[in-house]
Protein backbone atom coordinates (compact mmCIF):
# COMPACT_ATOMS: atom_id res chain seq x y z
CA MET A 1 0.00 0.00 0.00
CA THR A 2 1.39 3.42 -0.99
CA ALA A 3 1.64 6.50 1.18
CA GLU A 4 -1.03 8.12 -1.01
CA ASN A 5 -3.47 5.32 -0.26
CA LEU A 6 -2.74 5.56 3.45
CA SER A 7 -3.68 9.24 3.48
CA ALA A 8 -6.76 8.92 1.27
CA PRO A 9 -10.08 9.40 3.08
CA VAL A 10 -12.16 6.32 3.74
CA ASN A 11 -15.55 6.60 2.04
CA PRO A 12 -18.43 4.72 3.67
CA ARG A 13 -19.81 2.11 1.29
CA TRP A 14 -23.29 3.56 1.28
CA MET A 15 -22.01 6.63 -0.58
CA GLY A 16 -20.85 4.62 -3.56
CA ARG A 17 -24.07 2.61 -3.58
CA TRP A 18 -26.24 5.74 -3.60
CA LEU A 19 -24.24 7.18 -6.48
CA ILE A 20 -24.50 3.93 -8.42
CA ALA A 21 -28.27 3.96 -7.88
CA ALA A 22 -28.41 7.60 -9.00
CA GLY A 23 -26.35 6.78 -12.08
CA ILE A 24 -28.55 3.85 -13.10
CA TYR A 25 -31.72 5.86 -12.48
CA ASN A 26 -30.49 8.76 -14.61
CA LEU A 27 -29.42 6.47 -17.44
CA VAL A 28 -32.76 4.66 -17.50
CA TRP A 29 -34.92 7.77 -17.22
CA GLY A 30 -32.73 9.71 -19.66
CA ALA A 31 -32.90 6.86 -22.20
CA ALA A 32 -36.70 6.76 -21.93
CA MET A 33 -36.88 10.51 -22.60
CA VAL A 34 -34.57 10.21 -25.62
CA LEU A 35 -36.11 7.09 -27.15
CA ALA A 36 -39.76 7.79 -26.33
CA PRO A 37 -40.19 11.53 -25.77
CA VAL A 38 -43.84 11.65 -26.78
CA TRP A 39 -44.82 8.73 -24.57
CA THR A 40 -42.98 10.07 -21.50
CA LEU A 41 -44.52 13.52 -21.97
CA ARG A 42 -48.02 12.09 -22.22
CA MET A 43 -47.30 10.01 -19.12
CA LEU A 44 -46.65 13.29 -17.29
CA GLY A 45 -49.93 14.81 -18.45
CA VAL A 46 -48.79 16.95 -21.37
CA THR A 47 -51.62 17.15 -23.92
CA PRO A 48 -51.12 15.85 -27.49
CA ALA A 49 -51.46 19.38 -28.92
CA THR A 50 -48.64 20.59 -26.76
CA THR A 51 -46.61 17.44 -27.24
CA GLU A 52 -46.00 18.21 -30.89
CA LEU A 53 -43.85 21.19 -29.89
CA TRP A 54 -41.76 19.44 -27.27
CA PRO A 55 -40.27 16.08 -28.36
CA GLN A 56 -36.92 17.42 -29.61
CA LEU A 57 -36.36 19.62 -26.53
CA TRP A 58 -37.50 16.85 -24.20
CA ALA A 59 -35.08 14.39 -25.83
CA CYS A 60 -32.22 16.89 -25.36
CA VAL A 61 -33.07 17.16 -21.67
CA GLY A 62 -33.03 13.36 -21.50
CA MET A 63 -29.56 13.31 -23.01
CA ILE A 64 -28.31 15.72 -20.30
CA ILE A 65 -29.88 13.58 -17.58
CA GLY A 66 -28.17 10.50 -19.02
CA VAL A 67 -24.80 12.26 -19.03
CA TYR A 68 -25.30 13.09 -15.34
CA GLY A 69 -25.85 9.37 -14.81
CA ILE A 70 -22.42 8.60 -16.25
CA GLY A 71 -20.93 11.23 -13.96
CA TYR A 72 -22.55 9.67 -10.88
CA LEU A 73 -21.18 6.24 -11.81
CA ILE A 74 -17.68 7.72 -12.11
CA ALA A 75 -18.08 9.54 -8.77
CA SER A 76 -19.20 6.31 -7.07
CA ARG A 77 -15.62 5.00 -7.24
CA ASP A 78 -14.36 7.76 -4.93
CA PRO A 79 -17.12 10.14 -3.72
CA ALA A 80 -14.78 12.37 -1.70
CA ARG A 81 -12.42 12.89 -4.62
CA HIS A 82 -15.20 13.47 -7.17
CA TRP A 83 -17.26 15.78 -4.98
CA PRO A 84 -17.65 18.45 -7.75
CA ILE A 85 -19.82 16.00 -9.70
CA VAL A 86 -22.00 15.46 -6.64
CA LEU A 87 -22.18 19.20 -5.99
CA VAL A 88 -23.31 19.99 -9.54
CA GLY A 89 -25.86 17.20 -9.31
CA LEU A 90 -27.24 18.47 -6.00
CA LEU A 91 -27.50 22.02 -7.31
CA GLY A 92 -29.49 20.75 -10.28
CA LYS A 93 -31.77 18.76 -8.01
CA ILE A 94 -32.43 21.88 -5.89
CA LEU A 95 -32.74 24.49 -8.64
CA GLY A 96 -34.76 22.21 -10.93
CA PRO A 97 -37.80 21.94 -8.62
CA ILE A 98 -37.60 25.67 -7.89
CA GLY A 99 -37.70 26.44 -11.61
CA PHE A 100 -40.55 24.00 -12.16
CA VAL A 101 -42.71 25.51 -9.40
CA ARG A 102 -42.18 28.97 -10.87
CA SER A 103 -43.15 27.82 -14.36
CA ALA A 104 -46.17 25.92 -13.06
CA VAL A 105 -47.39 28.92 -11.08
CA LEU A 106 -47.10 31.09 -14.22
CA GLY A 107 -49.01 28.49 -16.23
CA GLU A 108 -46.05 27.67 -18.47
CA LEU A 109 -45.94 24.01 -17.40
CA PRO A 110 -48.71 21.67 -16.18
CA TRP A 111 -48.51 20.72 -12.50
CA SER A 112 -48.68 17.06 -13.53
CA MET A 113 -45.08 17.30 -14.76
CA GLY A 114 -44.00 17.64 -11.14
CA ALA A 115 -44.79 13.98 -10.51
CA THR A 116 -41.15 13.05 -11.11
CA ILE A 117 -39.67 15.61 -8.71
CA LEU A 118 -39.75 13.11 -5.83
CA THR A 119 -37.68 10.49 -7.66
CA ASN A 120 -35.65 12.83 -9.84
CA ASP A 121 -34.72 15.35 -7.15
CA LEU A 122 -35.99 15.18 -3.57
CA LEU A 123 -34.93 11.56 -3.04
CA TRP A 124 -31.28 12.48 -3.52
CA TRP A 125 -30.99 15.65 -1.46
CA VAL A 126 -29.98 14.05 1.85
CA PRO A 127 -27.45 11.46 0.55
CA PHE A 128 -25.82 13.94 -1.82
CA ALA A 129 -25.56 16.56 0.95
CA MET A 130 -24.04 13.98 3.30
CA ILE A 131 -21.49 12.99 0.66
CA LEU A 132 -20.45 16.64 0.27
CA TRP A 133 -20.22 17.00 4.06
CA HIS A 134 -17.94 13.95 4.20
CA ALA A 135 -15.80 15.30 1.35
CA ALA A 136 -15.38 18.67 3.05
CA ARG A 137 -14.33 17.11 6.35
CA SER A 138 -11.97 14.70 4.58
CA ALA A 139 -10.25 17.61 2.83
CA GLN A 140 -9.17 18.98 6.23
CA PRO A 141 -8.35 15.97 8.43
CA ALA A 142 -8.05 16.70 12.13
CA PRO A 143 -4.56 16.28 13.60
CA PRO A 144 -4.21 12.95 15.40
CA GLY A 145 -3.25 12.24 18.97
CA GLU A 146 -3.84 13.69 22.40
CA VAL A 147 -1.90 16.62 23.80
CA SER A 148 -1.36 17.44 27.46
CA LEU A 149 -2.21 20.90 28.76
CA ASP A 150 1.37 21.28 30.00
CA THR A 151 2.71 20.68 26.49
CA ALA A 152 0.37 23.24 24.97
CA LEU A 153 1.15 25.87 27.62
CA ASP A 154 4.90 25.43 27.18
CA THR A 155 4.83 25.33 23.36
CA LEU A 156 2.58 28.21 22.32
CA THR A 157 4.23 31.64 22.29
CA ASP A 158 3.02 35.13 21.51
CA GLY A 159 4.65 37.65 19.19
CA GLN A 160 7.24 38.55 21.85
CA GLY A 161 8.21 34.94 22.49
CA ARG A 162 6.37 34.77 25.80
CA THR A 163 4.85 31.34 26.46
CA LEU A 164 1.20 30.83 27.23
CA ARG A 165 2.28 29.29 30.55
CA SER A 166 3.92 32.55 31.62
CA TRP A 167 0.65 34.36 30.94
CA THR A 168 -1.50 31.91 32.85
CA ASP A 169 0.92 31.44 35.75
CA ALA A 170 1.11 35.19 36.42
CA ARG A 171 -2.62 35.40 37.22
CA PRO A 172 -5.90 33.68 36.35
CA THR A 173 -6.35 34.17 32.61
CA LEU A 174 -9.39 33.98 30.37
CA VAL A 175 -8.21 32.08 27.29
CA VAL A 176 -10.59 32.39 24.34
CA LEU A 177 -10.09 29.94 21.48
CA LEU A 178 -11.63 31.08 18.19
CA ARG A 179 -12.69 28.94 15.25
CA HIS A 180 -11.12 30.85 12.37
CA ALA A 181 -10.52 34.49 11.47
CA GLY A 182 -13.43 34.68 9.04
CA CYS A 183 -15.99 33.21 11.43
CA THR A 184 -19.01 35.48 11.98
CA PHE A 185 -19.42 34.31 15.57
CA CYS A 186 -15.72 34.75 16.35
CA LYS A 187 -15.97 38.39 15.25
CA GLN A 188 -18.98 38.76 17.51
CA THR A 189 -16.96 37.28 20.38
CA LEU A 190 -14.15 39.78 19.80
CA ALA A 191 -16.65 42.65 19.90
CA ASP A 192 -17.98 41.31 23.21
CA LEU A 193 -14.46 41.00 24.64
CA ALA A 194 -13.74 44.59 23.69
CA ARG A 195 -16.66 45.67 25.91
CA TRP A 196 -15.62 43.43 28.79
CA GLN A 197 -11.82 43.80 28.73
CA GLU A 198 -11.66 46.69 31.20
CA GLY A 199 -13.88 44.95 33.74
CA ILE A 200 -11.94 41.70 33.39
CA ASP A 201 -8.64 43.48 33.95
CA LYS A 202 -9.92 45.37 37.02
CA ARG A 203 -10.79 42.04 38.64
CA GLY A 204 -7.20 40.85 38.26
CA VAL A 205 -7.89 38.41 35.41
CA GLY A 206 -5.75 38.30 32.27
CA LEU A 207 -7.06 37.91 28.73
CA VAL A 208 -5.61 35.78 25.94
CA VAL A 209 -7.02 35.21 22.46
CA VAL A 210 -5.98 32.15 20.45
CA ALA A 211 -6.68 31.82 16.73
CA LEU A 212 -6.62 28.56 14.84
CA ALA A 213 -4.36 29.69 11.99
CA GLY A 214 -1.99 32.43 10.95
CA THR A 215 0.45 34.12 13.33
CA PRO A 216 0.18 35.93 16.67
CA ALA A 217 0.58 39.22 14.80
CA ARG A 218 -2.37 38.42 12.56
CA THR A 219 -4.47 37.45 15.56
CA GLU A 220 -3.54 40.72 17.25
CA SER A 221 -4.42 42.72 14.15
CA LEU A 222 -7.84 41.10 14.03
CA GLY A 223 -8.51 41.73 17.74
CA ARG A 224 -7.29 45.31 17.73
CA GLY A 225 -9.65 45.97 14.85
CA TYR A 226 -12.43 45.36 17.36
CA GLY A 227 -10.83 47.53 20.02
CA ILE A 228 -9.12 44.91 22.19
CA THR A 229 -5.94 46.50 23.53
CA SER A 230 -5.05 44.52 26.67
CA ALA A 231 -4.67 40.88 25.63
CA GLY A 232 -2.13 38.26 24.72
CA TRP A 233 -2.30 37.03 21.14
CA PHE A 234 -1.54 33.48 20.02
CA ALA A 235 -1.91 31.26 16.97
CA ASP A 236 -2.31 27.50 17.24
CA PRO A 237 -2.25 25.97 13.73
CA ASP A 238 -1.40 22.52 15.12
CA ARG A 239 -4.35 22.75 17.52
CA LEU A 240 -2.24 21.81 20.53
CA LEU A 241 -4.33 23.82 22.98
CA TYR A 242 -7.60 22.91 21.26
CA ARG A 243 -6.81 19.22 21.64
CA ALA A 244 -5.52 19.62 25.19
CA LEU A 245 -8.80 21.29 26.20
CA GLY A 246 -11.04 18.80 24.42
CA LEU A 247 -12.24 21.04 21.59
CA GLY A 248 -12.92 18.89 18.55
CA ARG A 249 -14.64 19.32 15.22
CA GLY A 250 -18.35 20.10 15.17
CA SER A 251 -21.17 18.01 13.81
CA PHE A 252 -23.44 19.26 11.03
CA GLY A 253 -26.03 20.41 13.56
CA GLN A 254 -23.46 22.21 15.69
CA LEU A 255 -22.15 24.15 12.69
CA PHE A 256 -25.14 24.50 10.37
CA GLY A 257 -28.27 23.80 12.42
CA PRO A 258 -31.34 26.10 12.25
CA ARG A 259 -30.40 28.00 15.41
CA VAL A 260 -26.91 28.58 14.03
CA TRP A 261 -28.34 30.02 10.79
CA VAL A 262 -30.66 32.35 12.67
CA ALA A 263 -27.86 33.54 14.96
CA GLY A 264 -25.60 34.01 11.94
CA VAL A 265 -28.13 36.26 10.22
CA LEU A 266 -28.53 38.34 13.38
CA ALA A 267 -24.76 38.63 13.81
CA GLY A 268 -24.43 39.68 10.19
CA LEU A 269 -27.02 42.42 10.69
CA ARG A 270 -24.85 43.71 13.55
CA GLY A 271 -21.92 44.07 11.17
CA HIS A 272 -20.12 40.78 11.84
CA GLY A 273 -20.03 39.46 8.29
CA ILE A 274 -18.43 36.30 6.96
CA GLY A 275 -14.75 36.63 6.14
CA LYS A 276 -12.11 34.50 4.47
CA LEU A 277 -11.74 31.02 5.93
CA GLN A 278 -8.37 30.59 7.65
CA GLY A 279 -7.90 27.16 9.19
CA ASP A 280 -10.40 24.40 9.73
CA GLY A 281 -13.98 25.60 9.34
CA PHE A 282 -15.21 22.57 11.29
CA GLN A 283 -13.31 23.41 14.48
CA MET A 284 -15.42 24.21 17.55
CA PRO A 285 -14.52 27.16 19.81
CA GLY A 286 -14.34 27.47 23.57
CA ALA A 287 -13.28 29.67 26.49
CA PHE A 288 -11.35 28.67 29.61
CA VAL A 289 -9.94 30.25 32.72
CA ILE A 290 -6.46 28.82 33.30
CA HIS A 291 -4.15 29.44 36.25
CA GLY A 292 -1.14 27.57 37.60
CA GLY A 293 -1.34 24.92 34.89
CA ARG A 294 -4.96 24.05 35.72
CA VAL A 295 -8.33 24.80 34.15
CA VAL A 296 -10.43 26.56 36.77
CA GLY A 297 -13.33 27.55 34.51
CA ALA A 298 -14.55 26.25 31.17
CA TYR A 299 -17.15 26.81 28.46
CA ARG A 300 -17.21 24.39 25.51
CA HIS A 301 -19.62 25.50 22.81
CA ALA A 302 -22.55 23.21 22.10
CA ARG A 303 -23.10 25.16 18.86
CA ALA A 304 -20.81 27.43 16.90
CA SER A 305 -23.28 30.26 17.49
CA ASP A 306 -23.24 30.05 21.32
CA ARG A 307 -22.67 33.46 22.92
CA PRO A 308 -21.61 32.79 26.52
CA ASP A 309 -21.17 35.51 29.11
CA LEU A 310 -17.38 35.47 29.18
CA MET A 311 -17.33 38.24 31.78
CA GLU A 312 -19.18 35.92 34.16
CA LEU A 313 -16.88 33.03 33.26
CA ALA A 314 -13.77 35.09 33.96
CA CYS A 315 -15.13 36.78 37.08
CA PRO A 316 -17.89 34.64 38.64
CA SER A 317 -20.40 36.47 40.80
CA THR A 318 -20.06 35.67 44.50
């Protein structure tokens, strides 16, 4: 076995089977449209008078559907590698029904033609979306192995070469671990920290911000853009601290669930737009109070959109 094979993502068997089924379905349905356009149109409720105008166009559509079938069969051999084929197919299966409903509402197409939407389109939404999700996660594999907190504290350094341990040993320190620089919710967190930084400092608690990628200088530039002036800035591209504190990659619901979408829209309306992805977009964030090599307070996000009261975490009410 070659090194390339060892690093290749493992595709669950069901993905290939779904794509084979999609390929066979498209080939059969496309062939019927090409070879018997009039019959298939009448089967869908198109009247004979209208049918006379449609056979050639309908047969062309059938040819396109058949070509998609060939693409699905090719993608079935390695779904993660051939994800663009799946993506194009899913887009067609989403936009097609939307276009049909519009045309039917305007009276341009009979509603009876929508009978095939279930088998042509809706049936494949979930498996195709899950294949794309798997491909995206496989493109950014999580680093293996566990890391001790001591190792992370001694390894990570800020722009001045000061270790994270020296920050957290000096006094209790609120350590905020972001997802990535372009994350809407991370920008919202930085805006919140800017409001709380003075109160946190007055209570004798330090503040450190850790980004997933880039450099400490880039992290500092991002934070200062939100008005944070009294913090330590770190970058952790190897995810040493993330792993040491038990922050893994999020599930689909944690990253893209309904509540996350709603919170994202609200954050965007407040000016925290989506920026360029830097790092692993699947990484979950968290916030911890660390002192003397121990975690004395922790918040691990259940959803990417969680907005904890970090002031309360850093300085609990008595």
